[in-house]
Amino acid sequence: MKDESGISAVEYGLLAAGIAVGLWAIVGGDTGIGTSLQAVLGDVQTDLATAAE
């Protein structure tokens, strides 16, 4: 039996691709996805600040 508990190269690639798409959406804030994502992240930031009070 071999140990398959570690993350594979394919999973690392998918993770990197997801992060790249997220960063692209944030940097390209004039797109619909970027604008929506910025709004969601702004809401999260506000909620976290409110919860910390």
Protein backbone atom coordinates (compact mmCIF):
# COMPACT_ATOMS: atom_id res chain seq x y z
CA MET A 1 0.00 0.00 0.00
CA LYS A 2 1.32 3.40 -0.83
CA ASP A 3 0.72 6.58 1.13
CA GLU A 4 -1.56 8.91 -0.85
CA SER A 5 -2.12 11.49 1.88
CA GLY A 6 0.03 14.22 0.29
CA ILE A 7 -1.08 16.75 -2.27
CA SER A 8 -0.22 15.91 -5.87
CA ALA A 9 1.23 18.12 -8.59
CA VAL A 10 -2.17 18.24 -10.28
CA GLU A 11 -3.79 19.56 -7.11
CA TYR A 12 -1.02 22.16 -6.74
CA GLY A 13 -1.65 23.21 -10.33
CA LEU A 14 -5.38 23.57 -9.74
CA LEU A 15 -4.75 25.59 -6.59
CA ALA A 16 -2.31 27.88 -8.41
CA ALA A 17 -4.77 28.33 -11.28
CA GLY A 18 -7.57 29.25 -8.86
CA ILE A 19 -5.38 31.80 -7.11
CA ALA A 20 -4.26 33.26 -10.44
CA VAL A 21 -7.86 33.66 -11.61
CA GLY A 22 -8.80 35.30 -8.31
CA LEU A 23 -5.91 37.74 -8.49
CA TRP A 24 -6.65 38.49 -12.12
CA ALA A 25 -10.26 39.28 -11.20
CA ILE A 26 -9.17 41.62 -8.41
CA VAL A 27 -6.55 43.42 -10.50
CA GLY A 28 -8.92 43.72 -13.44
CA GLY A 29 -11.46 45.53 -11.26
CA ASP A 30 -13.21 47.10 -14.23
CA THR A 31 -14.62 43.71 -15.26
CA GLY A 32 -17.88 42.39 -13.91
CA ILE A 33 -16.19 39.59 -12.00
CA GLY A 34 -13.61 41.94 -10.48
CA THR A 35 -16.25 44.42 -9.42
CA SER A 36 -18.42 41.72 -7.87
CA LEU A 37 -15.47 40.14 -6.10
CA GLN A 38 -14.36 43.51 -4.73
CA ALA A 39 -17.87 44.12 -3.41
CA VAL A 40 -17.96 40.72 -1.70
CA LEU A 41 -14.52 41.22 -0.17
CA GLY A 42 -15.56 44.68 1.01
CA ASP A 43 -18.63 43.19 2.69
CA VAL A 44 -16.48 40.54 4.36
CA GLN A 45 -14.05 43.20 5.58
CA THR A 46 -16.91 45.25 7.02
CA ASP A 47 -18.43 42.21 8.73
CA LEU A 48 -15.09 41.22 10.25
CA ALA A 49 -14.48 44.75 11.51
CA THR A 50 -17.96 44.83 13.06
CA ALA A 51 -17.47 41.41 14.68
CA ALA A 52 -14.13 42.51 16.16
CA GLU A 53 -15.73 45.44 18.00
